[in-house]
C-alpha atoms as a PDB file:
ATOM      1  CA  MET A   1      91.595  46.829 -30.408  1.00  0.00           C
ATOM      2  CA  LYS A   2      88.904  49.046 -32.114  1.00  0.00           C
ATOM      3  CA  PHE A   3      85.595  47.548 -33.389  1.00  0.00           C
ATOM      4  CA  THR A   4      83.434  48.896 -36.212  1.00  0.00           C
ATOM      5  CA  LYS A   5      80.080  50.207 -35.066  1.00  0.00           C
ATOM      6  CA  ILE A   6      77.020  48.609 -36.691  1.00  0.00           C
ATOM      7  CA  ALA A   7      73.859  50.601 -36.858  1.00  0.00           C
ATOM      8  CA  THR A   8      70.745  49.244 -35.235  1.00  0.00           C
ATOM      9  CA  PRO A   9      67.245  50.127 -36.596  1.00  0.00           C
ATOM     10  CA  GLU A  10      66.637  52.429 -33.598  1.00  0.00           C
ATOM     11  CA  GLN A  11      69.676  54.556 -34.488  1.00  0.00           C
ATOM     12  CA  ILE A  12      68.783  55.079 -38.093  1.00  0.00           C
ATOM     13  CA  GLU A  13      67.138  58.446 -38.606  1.00  0.00           C
ATOM     14  CA  GLN A  14      65.814  59.012 -42.182  1.00  0.00           C
ATOM     15  CA  LYS A  15      65.467  62.653 -43.369  1.00  0.00           C
ATOM     16  CA  TRP A  16      63.914  64.172 -46.525  1.00  0.00           C
ATOM     17  CA  ILE A  17      66.392  65.958 -48.882  1.00  0.00           C
ATOM     18  CA  LEU A  18      65.518  68.106 -51.670  1.00  0.00           C
ATOM     19  CA  VAL A  19      67.747  68.332 -54.848  1.00  0.00           C
ATOM     20  CA  ASP A  20      67.208  70.869 -57.591  1.00  0.00           C
ATOM     21  CA  ALA A  21      68.571  69.311 -60.926  1.00  0.00           C
ATOM     22  CA  GLU A  22      68.329  72.546 -62.916  1.00  0.00           C
ATOM     23  CA  GLY A  23      71.718  73.330 -64.547  1.00  0.00           C
ATOM     24  CA  LYS A  24      73.574  70.233 -62.861  1.00  0.00           C
ATOM     25  CA  THR A  25      75.374  67.613 -64.689  1.00  0.00           C
ATOM     26  CA  PHE A  26      73.204  64.481 -64.986  1.00  0.00           C
ATOM     27  CA  GLY A  27      75.842  61.835 -64.106  1.00  0.00           C
ATOM     28  CA  ARG A  28      77.373  63.650 -61.112  1.00  0.00           C
ATOM     29  CA  LEU A  29      73.903  64.383 -59.728  1.00  0.00           C
ATOM     30  CA  VAL A  30      72.745  60.730 -59.958  1.00  0.00           C
ATOM     31  CA  THR A  31      75.931  59.614 -58.143  1.00  0.00           C
ATOM     32  CA  GLU A  32      75.190  62.023 -55.410  1.00  0.00           C
ATOM     33  CA  ILE A  33      71.568  60.804 -55.151  1.00  0.00           C
ATOM     34  CA  ALA A  34      72.662  57.182 -55.055  1.00  0.00           C
ATOM     35  CA  THR A  35      75.213  57.929 -52.291  1.00  0.00           C
ATOM     36  CA  ILE A  36      72.481  59.593 -50.251  1.00  0.00           C
ATOM     37  CA  LEU A  37      69.970  56.744 -50.900  1.00  0.00           C
ATOM     38  CA  ARG A  38      72.568  54.160 -49.624  1.00  0.00           C
ATOM     39  CA  GLY A  39      73.480  56.252 -46.730  1.00  0.00           C
ATOM     40  CA  LYS A  40      77.182  56.294 -47.425  1.00  0.00           C
ATOM     41  CA  ASN A  41      77.388  59.930 -46.318  1.00  0.00           C
ATOM     42  CA  LYS A  42      76.444  59.109 -42.734  1.00  0.00           C
ATOM     43  CA  PRO A  43      78.887  57.990 -40.117  1.00  0.00           C
ATOM     44  CA  TYR A  44      76.854  55.006 -39.102  1.00  0.00           C
ATOM     45  CA  TYR A  45      76.613  53.444 -42.629  1.00  0.00           C
ATOM     46  CA  THR A  46      76.013  49.684 -42.546  1.00  0.00           C
ATOM     47  CA  PRO A  47      76.017  47.891 -45.870  1.00  0.00           C
ATOM     48  CA  ASN A  48      73.297  45.387 -45.010  1.00  0.00           C
ATOM     49  CA  MET A  49      70.840  47.984 -43.658  1.00  0.00           C
ATOM     50  CA  ASP A  50      68.805  50.746 -45.261  1.00  0.00           C
ATOM     51  CA  CYS A  51      70.438  53.837 -43.605  1.00  0.00           C
ATOM     52  CA  GLY A  52      69.736  56.259 -46.429  1.00  0.00           C
ATOM     53  CA  ASP A  53      67.609  59.310 -46.627  1.00  0.00           C
ATOM     54  CA  TYR A  54      64.556  60.084 -48.930  1.00  0.00           C
ATOM     55  CA  VAL A  55      65.433  62.192 -51.862  1.00  0.00           C
ATOM     56  CA  VAL A  56      63.181  64.604 -53.805  1.00  0.00           C
ATOM     57  CA  VAL A  57      64.476  65.688 -57.172  1.00  0.00           C
ATOM     58  CA  ILE A  58      62.740  68.649 -58.861  1.00  0.00           C
ATOM     59  CA  ASN A  59      63.473  70.196 -62.193  1.00  0.00           C
ATOM     60  CA  ALA A  60      64.476  66.802 -63.662  1.00  0.00           C
ATOM     61  CA  SER A  61      63.865  67.811 -67.153  1.00  0.00           C
ATOM     62  CA  LYS A  62      66.436  70.662 -66.934  1.00  0.00           C
ATOM     63  CA  ALA A  63      69.509  68.616 -66.079  1.00  0.00           C
ATOM     64  CA  VAL A  64      72.555  69.078 -68.290  1.00  0.00           C
ATOM     65  CA  PHE A  65      74.230  66.259 -70.259  1.00  0.00           C
ATOM     66  CA  ASN A  66      77.935  66.456 -71.030  1.00  0.00           C
ATOM     67  CA  GLY A  67      79.807  64.209 -73.363  1.00  0.00           C
ATOM     68  CA  LEU A  68      80.272  63.379 -77.059  1.00  0.00           C
ATOM     69  CA  ASP A  69      76.637  63.741 -78.064  1.00  0.00           C
ATOM     70  CA  LYS A  70      75.656  61.133 -75.501  1.00  0.00           C
ATOM     71  CA  ILE A  71      72.113  62.399 -75.265  1.00  0.00           C
ATOM     72  CA  ASN A  72      71.421  61.475 -78.880  1.00  0.00           C
ATOM     73  CA  ASN A  73      73.323  58.256 -79.056  1.00  0.00           C
ATOM     74  CA  LYS A  74      72.824  56.558 -75.789  1.00  0.00           C
ATOM     75  CA  GLU A  75      69.872  53.919 -75.840  1.00  0.00           C
ATOM     76  CA  TYR A  76      68.090  52.143 -73.021  1.00  0.00           C
ATOM     77  CA  HIS A  77      66.926  48.604 -73.782  1.00  0.00           C
ATOM     78  CA  ARG A  78      64.261  46.395 -72.359  1.00  0.00           C
ATOM     79  CA  HIS A  79      62.976  42.948 -73.313  1.00  0.00           C
ATOM     80  CA  THR A  80      59.314  42.131 -73.290  1.00  0.00           C
ATOM     81  CA  GLY A  81      59.954  38.295 -72.909  1.00  0.00           C
ATOM     82  CA  TYR A  82      59.140  37.286 -76.502  1.00  0.00           C
ATOM     83  CA  PHE A  83      61.662  36.228 -79.120  1.00  0.00           C
ATOM     84  CA  GLY A  84      63.122  39.155 -81.040  1.00  0.00           C
ATOM     85  CA  SER A  85      61.348  41.791 -79.050  1.00  0.00           C
ATOM     86  CA  VAL A  86      64.016  44.044 -77.563  1.00  0.00           C
ATOM     87  CA  LYS A  87      62.526  47.584 -77.300  1.00  0.00           C
ATOM     88  CA  SER A  88      64.973  50.508 -77.352  1.00  0.00           C
ATOM     89  CA  VAL A  89      64.489  54.242 -76.626  1.00  0.00           C
ATOM     90  CA  LYS A  90      67.021  56.996 -77.022  1.00  0.00           C
ATOM     91  CA  MET A  91      68.110  59.034 -74.050  1.00  0.00           C
ATOM     92  CA  SER A  92      66.842  62.273 -75.688  1.00  0.00           C
ATOM     93  CA  GLU A  93      63.350  60.798 -76.218  1.00  0.00           C
ATOM     94  CA  LEU A  94      63.254  59.534 -72.475  1.00  0.00           C
ATOM     95  CA  LEU A  95      64.293  62.941 -71.264  1.00  0.00           C
ATOM     96  CA  GLU A  96      61.512  64.696 -73.090  1.00  0.00           C
ATOM     97  CA  LYS A  97      58.676  62.178 -72.516  1.00  0.00           C
ATOM     98  CA  ASN A  98      59.513  60.828 -68.869  1.00  0.00           C
ATOM     99  CA  PRO A  99      62.662  62.311 -67.196  1.00  0.00           C
ATOM    100  CA  GLU A 100      61.460  60.655 -63.926  1.00  0.00           C
ATOM    101  CA  LYS A 101      62.151  57.198 -65.468  1.00  0.00           C
ATOM    102  CA  LEU A 102      65.407  58.288 -66.769  1.00  0.00           C
ATOM    103  CA  PHE A 103      66.520  59.308 -63.306  1.00  0.00           C
ATOM    104  CA  LYS A 104      65.192  56.096 -61.825  1.00  0.00           C
ATOM    105  CA  LEU A 105      67.025  53.883 -64.447  1.00  0.00           C
ATOM    106  CA  ALA A 106      70.422  55.662 -63.900  1.00  0.00           C
ATOM    107  CA  THR A 107      70.090  55.560 -60.139  1.00  0.00           C
ATOM    108  CA  ARG A 108      69.040  51.921 -60.097  1.00  0.00           C
ATOM    109  CA  GLY A 109      72.388  50.869 -61.730  1.00  0.00           C
ATOM    110  CA  MET A 110      74.260  52.406 -58.806  1.00  0.00           C
ATOM    111  CA  LEU A 111      72.468  50.605 -56.136  1.00  0.00           C
ATOM    112  CA  PRO A 112      72.643  46.948 -54.904  1.00  0.00           C
ATOM    113  CA  LYS A 113      70.826  44.543 -57.174  1.00  0.00           C
ATOM    114  CA  THR A 114      68.959  43.029 -54.310  1.00  0.00           C
ATOM    115  CA  LYS A 115      65.577  43.517 -52.322  1.00  0.00           C
ATOM    116  CA  LEU A 116      67.489  46.159 -50.289  1.00  0.00           C
ATOM    117  CA  GLY A 117      68.338  48.034 -53.477  1.00  0.00           C
ATOM    118  CA  ALA A 118      64.656  47.954 -54.522  1.00  0.00           C
ATOM    119  CA  LYS A 119      63.662  49.292 -51.075  1.00  0.00           C
ATOM    120  CA  MET A 120      66.282  52.198 -51.445  1.00  0.00           C
ATOM    121  CA  LEU A 121      64.998  53.068 -54.909  1.00  0.00           C
ATOM    122  CA  LYS A 122      61.435  53.534 -53.520  1.00  0.00           C
ATOM    123  CA  LYS A 123      62.696  56.365 -51.543  1.00  0.00           C
ATOM    124  CA  LEU A 124      63.606  58.358 -54.652  1.00  0.00           C
ATOM    125  CA  LYS A 125      60.936  60.810 -55.690  1.00  0.00           C
ATOM    126  CA  VAL A 126      61.461  62.669 -59.047  1.00  0.00           C
ATOM    127  CA  TYR A 127      59.525  65.364 -60.634  1.00  0.00           C
ATOM    128  CA  ALA A 128      59.923  67.064 -64.005  1.00  0.00           C
ATOM    129  CA  GLY A 129      58.911  70.549 -62.790  1.00  0.00           C
ATOM    130  CA  SER A 130      59.374  72.506 -59.702  1.00  0.00           C
ATOM    131  CA  GLU A 131      56.156  71.418 -57.941  1.00  0.00           C
ATOM    132  CA  HIS A 132      56.042  68.373 -55.631  1.00  0.00           C
ATOM    133  CA  PRO A 133      53.646  67.029 -53.032  1.00  0.00           C
ATOM    134  CA  HIS A 134      56.285  66.493 -50.367  1.00  0.00           C
ATOM    135  CA  THR A 135      56.427  69.855 -48.753  1.00  0.00           C
ATOM    136  CA  ALA A 136      55.175  68.594 -45.405  1.00  0.00           C
ATOM    137  CA  GLN A 137      57.914  65.937 -45.151  1.00  0.00           C
ATOM    138  CA  LEU A 138      60.595  68.509 -46.155  1.00  0.00           C
ATOM    139  CA  ALA A 139      59.513  70.883 -43.382  1.00  0.00           C
ATOM    140  CA  LYS A 140      60.483  68.541 -40.587  1.00  0.00           C
END
């Protein structure tokens, strides 16, 4: 009888991965990022542990959006906590003003809705341009 191997904290090795978003489809790129953050691309994936790698996304503002005019129609909603105060922002406005937030919102929806998911999301670093301060970590 074979048993499933469960990773221990000593076995987990977290690397830094650089992803260039220029010319890539937004949705497919975000699913790839979520897979890396969860660690599902590793042979010792364990659902209740943070086995994923750090991800640095550059050129986030140059991602490509496909679909039936999704970039102009899709809206992201948030609630301030007061009655009748739902704030909405279109995807096109969010891409222009803050592409980092757009990537984090899309990736957050693909991660677990627990403390572990919040810990995984902190390992995502997104930058609108090609400059980033993580060159020392990527050199390892």
